[in-house]
Amino acid sequence: MITAIVLIKTSVNRIPEIAEAIAALDSVSEVFSVTGTYDLIAMVRVPRHDDLADVIPGRISKIQGVEATDTHVAFRTYSQHDLEAAFAIGLDA
């Protein structure tokens, strides 16, 4: 699975509506409203690298009020859940 972190600038007066529209897209797992240079951060997960083009410029960027995106593709994912599972291998609960 390919994970992309998409930083999104939006029309400030429509942030909640834009966030909901982005969150409704199939390949978007989470959307965060944040402070700073960007208004929203979306987590996009797709099976193939080529699918990112369909989701980000093909759908996210076309939502009315999205002004700009900056995409970062993850090389590897680390999470507390993954670490706990790795350390629990071979242990009886």
N, C-alpha and C. Protein backbone atom coordinates (compact mmCIF):
# COMPACT_ATOMS: atom_id res chain seq x y z
N MET A 1 0.84 -1.17 0.00
CA MET A 1 0.00 0.00 0.00
C MET A 1 0.88 1.23 0.00
N ILE A 2 0.59 2.18 -0.85
CA ILE A 2 1.34 3.44 -0.94
C ILE A 2 0.60 4.49 -0.10
N THR A 3 1.33 5.19 0.75
CA THR A 3 0.75 6.24 1.59
C THR A 3 1.31 7.58 1.17
N ALA A 4 0.41 8.55 0.98
CA ALA A 4 0.82 9.92 0.67
C ALA A 4 0.19 10.85 1.70
N ILE A 5 0.99 11.82 2.13
CA ILE A 5 0.52 12.86 3.02
C ILE A 5 0.33 14.09 2.14
N VAL A 6 -0.91 14.60 2.09
CA VAL A 6 -1.22 15.70 1.20
C VAL A 6 -1.53 16.94 2.03
N LEU A 7 -0.69 17.96 1.90
CA LEU A 7 -0.89 19.24 2.57
C LEU A 7 -1.75 20.10 1.64
N ILE A 8 -2.83 20.68 2.17
CA ILE A 8 -3.82 21.32 1.32
C ILE A 8 -4.11 22.74 1.80
N LYS A 9 -4.04 23.70 0.86
CA LYS A 9 -4.48 25.07 1.12
C LYS A 9 -5.88 25.21 0.54
N THR A 10 -6.77 25.84 1.32
CA THR A 10 -8.15 25.95 0.89
C THR A 10 -8.67 27.37 1.05
N SER A 11 -9.88 27.59 0.54
CA SER A 11 -10.60 28.82 0.86
C SER A 11 -10.93 28.75 2.35
N VAL A 12 -10.48 29.72 3.10
CA VAL A 12 -10.59 29.67 4.56
C VAL A 12 -12.04 29.59 5.03
N ASN A 13 -12.95 30.20 4.31
CA ASN A 13 -14.34 30.21 4.76
C ASN A 13 -15.08 28.90 4.46
N ARG A 14 -14.40 27.93 3.83
CA ARG A 14 -15.05 26.65 3.48
C ARG A 14 -14.28 25.43 4.00
N ILE A 15 -13.42 25.61 4.96
CA ILE A 15 -12.58 24.50 5.43
C ILE A 15 -13.40 23.28 5.84
N PRO A 16 -14.45 23.40 6.67
CA PRO A 16 -15.18 22.19 7.07
C PRO A 16 -15.83 21.46 5.89
N GLU A 17 -16.41 22.19 4.96
CA GLU A 17 -17.06 21.56 3.80
C GLU A 17 -16.05 20.88 2.90
N ILE A 18 -14.92 21.52 2.70
CA ILE A 18 -13.87 20.94 1.86
C ILE A 18 -13.29 19.69 2.53
N ALA A 19 -13.07 19.76 3.84
CA ALA A 19 -12.55 18.60 4.58
C ALA A 19 -13.50 17.42 4.46
N GLU A 20 -14.79 17.67 4.58
CA GLU A 20 -15.78 16.59 4.47
C GLU A 20 -15.80 15.99 3.07
N ALA A 21 -15.67 16.84 2.04
CA ALA A 21 -15.66 16.34 0.66
C ALA A 21 -14.43 15.48 0.40
N ILE A 22 -13.29 15.90 0.93
CA ILE A 22 -12.05 15.13 0.75
C ILE A 22 -12.15 13.81 1.53
N ALA A 23 -12.65 13.86 2.75
CA ALA A 23 -12.77 12.66 3.58
C ALA A 23 -13.71 11.63 2.96
N ALA A 24 -14.64 12.07 2.13
CA ALA A 24 -15.59 11.16 1.50
C ALA A 24 -14.99 10.38 0.33
N LEU A 25 -13.80 10.77 -0.14
CA LEU A 25 -13.16 10.07 -1.25
C LEU A 25 -12.66 8.70 -0.78
N ASP A 26 -12.81 7.70 -1.64
CA ASP A 26 -12.47 6.32 -1.28
C ASP A 26 -11.05 6.11 -0.76
N SER A 27 -10.07 6.72 -1.35
CA SER A 27 -8.67 6.45 -0.99
C SER A 27 -8.16 7.33 0.13
N VAL A 28 -8.99 8.19 0.66
CA VAL A 28 -8.59 9.08 1.75
C VAL A 28 -9.00 8.45 3.08
N SER A 29 -8.00 8.21 3.95
CA SER A 29 -8.31 7.56 5.22
C SER A 29 -8.59 8.56 6.34
N GLU A 30 -7.93 9.70 6.33
CA GLU A 30 -8.15 10.73 7.35
C GLU A 30 -7.93 12.10 6.73
N VAL A 31 -8.60 13.09 7.31
CA VAL A 31 -8.35 14.50 6.97
C VAL A 31 -8.27 15.25 8.28
N PHE A 32 -7.21 16.03 8.43
CA PHE A 32 -6.99 16.80 9.65
C PHE A 32 -7.06 18.29 9.34
N SER A 33 -7.78 19.04 10.13
CA SER A 33 -7.77 20.50 10.05
C SER A 33 -6.64 20.95 10.97
N VAL A 34 -5.71 21.76 10.43
CA VAL A 34 -4.49 22.09 11.17
C VAL A 34 -4.20 23.58 11.15
N THR A 35 -3.29 24.00 12.01
CA THR A 35 -2.82 25.37 12.00
C THR A 35 -1.55 25.44 11.16
N GLY A 36 -1.17 26.64 10.79
CA GLY A 36 0.07 26.82 10.05
C GLY A 36 -0.17 27.22 8.60
N THR A 37 0.79 26.92 7.76
CA THR A 37 0.76 27.32 6.36
C THR A 37 -0.37 26.65 5.59
N TYR A 38 -0.70 25.43 5.95
CA TYR A 38 -1.75 24.67 5.26
C TYR A 38 -2.99 24.60 6.14
N ASP A 39 -4.13 24.38 5.51
CA ASP A 39 -5.40 24.33 6.24
C ASP A 39 -5.80 22.90 6.59
N LEU A 40 -5.47 21.96 5.70
CA LEU A 40 -5.85 20.56 5.88
C LEU A 40 -4.68 19.65 5.56
N ILE A 41 -4.66 18.49 6.18
CA ILE A 41 -3.73 17.42 5.83
C ILE A 41 -4.56 16.17 5.60
N ALA A 42 -4.37 15.54 4.44
CA ALA A 42 -5.10 14.32 4.11
C ALA A 42 -4.13 13.16 3.99
N MET A 43 -4.54 12.02 4.52
CA MET A 43 -3.78 10.79 4.37
C MET A 43 -4.42 9.99 3.24
N VAL A 44 -3.65 9.74 2.20
CA VAL A 44 -4.16 9.01 1.03
C VAL A 44 -3.44 7.67 0.96
N ARG A 45 -4.21 6.60 0.83
CA ARG A 45 -3.63 5.26 0.73
C ARG A 45 -4.17 4.58 -0.51
N VAL A 46 -3.26 4.19 -1.40
CA VAL A 46 -3.64 3.55 -2.66
C VAL A 46 -2.78 2.32 -2.89
N PRO A 47 -3.27 1.36 -3.68
CA PRO A 47 -2.50 0.14 -3.93
C PRO A 47 -1.31 0.35 -4.88
N ARG A 48 -1.44 1.28 -5.82
CA ARG A 48 -0.38 1.48 -6.81
C ARG A 48 0.00 2.95 -6.88
N HIS A 49 1.27 3.19 -7.16
CA HIS A 49 1.78 4.56 -7.25
C HIS A 49 0.99 5.39 -8.26
N ASP A 50 0.65 4.79 -9.39
CA ASP A 50 -0.09 5.51 -10.43
C ASP A 50 -1.46 5.98 -9.95
N ASP A 51 -2.02 5.31 -8.95
CA ASP A 51 -3.33 5.69 -8.43
C ASP A 51 -3.31 7.05 -7.73
N LEU A 52 -2.12 7.48 -7.28
CA LEU A 52 -2.03 8.79 -6.64
C LEU A 52 -2.47 9.91 -7.59
N ALA A 53 -2.16 9.77 -8.87
CA ALA A 53 -2.56 10.79 -9.85
C ALA A 53 -4.07 10.86 -9.98
N ASP A 54 -4.73 9.74 -9.86
CA ASP A 54 -6.19 9.74 -9.93
C ASP A 54 -6.81 10.42 -8.73
N VAL A 55 -6.21 10.23 -7.57
CA VAL A 55 -6.80 10.75 -6.33
C VAL A 55 -6.43 12.21 -6.09
N ILE A 56 -5.15 12.56 -6.18
CA ILE A 56 -4.73 13.89 -5.75
C ILE A 56 -5.04 14.95 -6.82
N PRO A 57 -4.37 14.96 -7.97
CA PRO A 57 -4.77 15.97 -8.95
C PRO A 57 -6.11 15.66 -9.61
N GLY A 58 -6.47 14.39 -9.67
CA GLY A 58 -7.70 13.99 -10.34
C GLY A 58 -8.97 14.26 -9.57
N ARG A 59 -8.91 14.18 -8.22
CA ARG A 59 -10.12 14.38 -7.43
C ARG A 59 -9.97 15.44 -6.34
N ILE A 60 -8.93 15.34 -5.51
CA ILE A 60 -8.77 16.32 -4.42
C ILE A 60 -8.63 17.73 -4.98
N SER A 61 -7.75 17.93 -5.93
CA SER A 61 -7.49 19.27 -6.47
C SER A 61 -8.68 19.86 -7.20
N LYS A 62 -9.62 19.02 -7.60
CA LYS A 62 -10.79 19.50 -8.34
C LYS A 62 -11.97 19.87 -7.43
N ILE A 63 -11.83 19.64 -6.15
CA ILE A 63 -12.89 20.02 -5.21
C ILE A 63 -12.89 21.55 -5.10
N GLN A 64 -14.08 22.12 -5.24
CA GLN A 64 -14.19 23.58 -5.20
C GLN A 64 -13.69 24.11 -3.86
N GLY A 65 -12.77 25.07 -3.92
CA GLY A 65 -12.19 25.65 -2.72
C GLY A 65 -10.78 25.17 -2.42
N VAL A 66 -10.35 24.07 -3.05
CA VAL A 66 -8.96 23.62 -2.89
C VAL A 66 -8.10 24.52 -3.77
N GLU A 67 -7.16 25.21 -3.14
CA GLU A 67 -6.33 26.18 -3.85
C GLU A 67 -4.96 25.62 -4.24
N ALA A 68 -4.41 24.74 -3.42
CA ALA A 68 -3.09 24.17 -3.71
C ALA A 68 -2.88 22.92 -2.87
N THR A 69 -2.05 22.01 -3.38
CA THR A 69 -1.66 20.81 -2.65
C THR A 69 -0.15 20.64 -2.71
N ASP A 70 0.38 20.00 -1.68
CA ASP A 70 1.80 19.66 -1.61
C ASP A 70 1.83 18.22 -1.11
N THR A 71 2.30 17.30 -1.95
CA THR A 71 2.21 15.87 -1.65
C THR A 71 3.56 15.29 -1.26
N HIS A 72 3.54 14.48 -0.20
CA HIS A 72 4.72 13.78 0.28
C HIS A 72 4.40 12.29 0.32
N VAL A 73 5.19 11.49 -0.39
CA VAL A 73 4.96 10.04 -0.44
C VAL A 73 5.85 9.39 0.61
N ALA A 74 5.25 8.52 1.42
CA ALA A 74 5.98 7.84 2.48
C ALA A 74 6.82 6.70 1.92
N PHE A 75 8.07 6.60 2.38
CA PHE A 75 8.92 5.46 2.03
C PHE A 75 8.54 4.25 2.86
N ARG A 76 8.30 4.50 4.14
CA ARG A 76 8.04 3.43 5.10
C ARG A 76 7.12 4.00 6.18
N THR A 77 6.28 3.16 6.75
CA THR A 77 5.36 3.60 7.80
C THR A 77 5.74 2.97 9.12
N TYR A 78 5.81 3.78 10.16
CA TYR A 78 6.07 3.32 11.52
C TYR A 78 4.89 3.77 12.38
N SER A 79 4.40 2.88 13.22
CA SER A 79 3.33 3.27 14.13
C SER A 79 3.49 2.50 15.43
N GLN A 80 2.90 3.03 16.48
CA GLN A 80 2.95 2.37 17.78
C GLN A 80 2.34 0.98 17.69
N HIS A 81 1.25 0.86 16.93
CA HIS A 81 0.59 -0.44 16.76
C HIS A 81 1.54 -1.46 16.14
N ASP A 82 2.29 -1.06 15.11
CA ASP A 82 3.24 -1.95 14.45
C ASP A 82 4.37 -2.36 15.40
N LEU A 83 4.85 -1.42 16.20
CA LEU A 83 5.94 -1.72 17.13
C LEU A 83 5.48 -2.70 18.21
N GLU A 84 4.27 -2.48 18.74
CA GLU A 84 3.75 -3.38 19.77
C GLU A 84 3.59 -4.80 19.21
N ALA A 85 3.10 -4.91 18.00
CA ALA A 85 2.91 -6.22 17.36
C ALA A 85 4.25 -6.93 17.16
N ALA A 86 5.27 -6.17 16.75
CA ALA A 86 6.59 -6.76 16.50
C ALA A 86 7.20 -7.29 17.80
N PHE A 87 7.06 -6.54 18.90
CA PHE A 87 7.63 -6.97 20.16
C PHE A 87 6.84 -8.08 20.81
N ALA A 88 5.59 -8.27 20.40
CA ALA A 88 4.75 -9.30 20.98
C ALA A 88 4.90 -10.66 20.29
N ILE A 89 5.65 -10.72 19.21
CA ILE A 89 5.82 -11.97 18.48
C ILE A 89 6.44 -13.02 19.40
N GLY A 90 5.78 -14.15 19.51
CA GLY A 90 6.29 -15.25 20.32
C GLY A 90 5.91 -15.19 21.79
N LEU A 91 5.24 -14.12 22.19
CA LEU A 91 4.84 -14.01 23.60
C LEU A 91 3.42 -14.54 23.75
N ASP A 92 3.19 -15.26 24.81
CA ASP A 92 1.85 -15.74 25.11
C ASP A 92 1.13 -14.70 25.95
N ALA A 93 -0.10 -14.41 25.57
CA ALA A 93 -0.87 -13.38 26.30
C ALA A 93 -1.53 -13.96 27.52
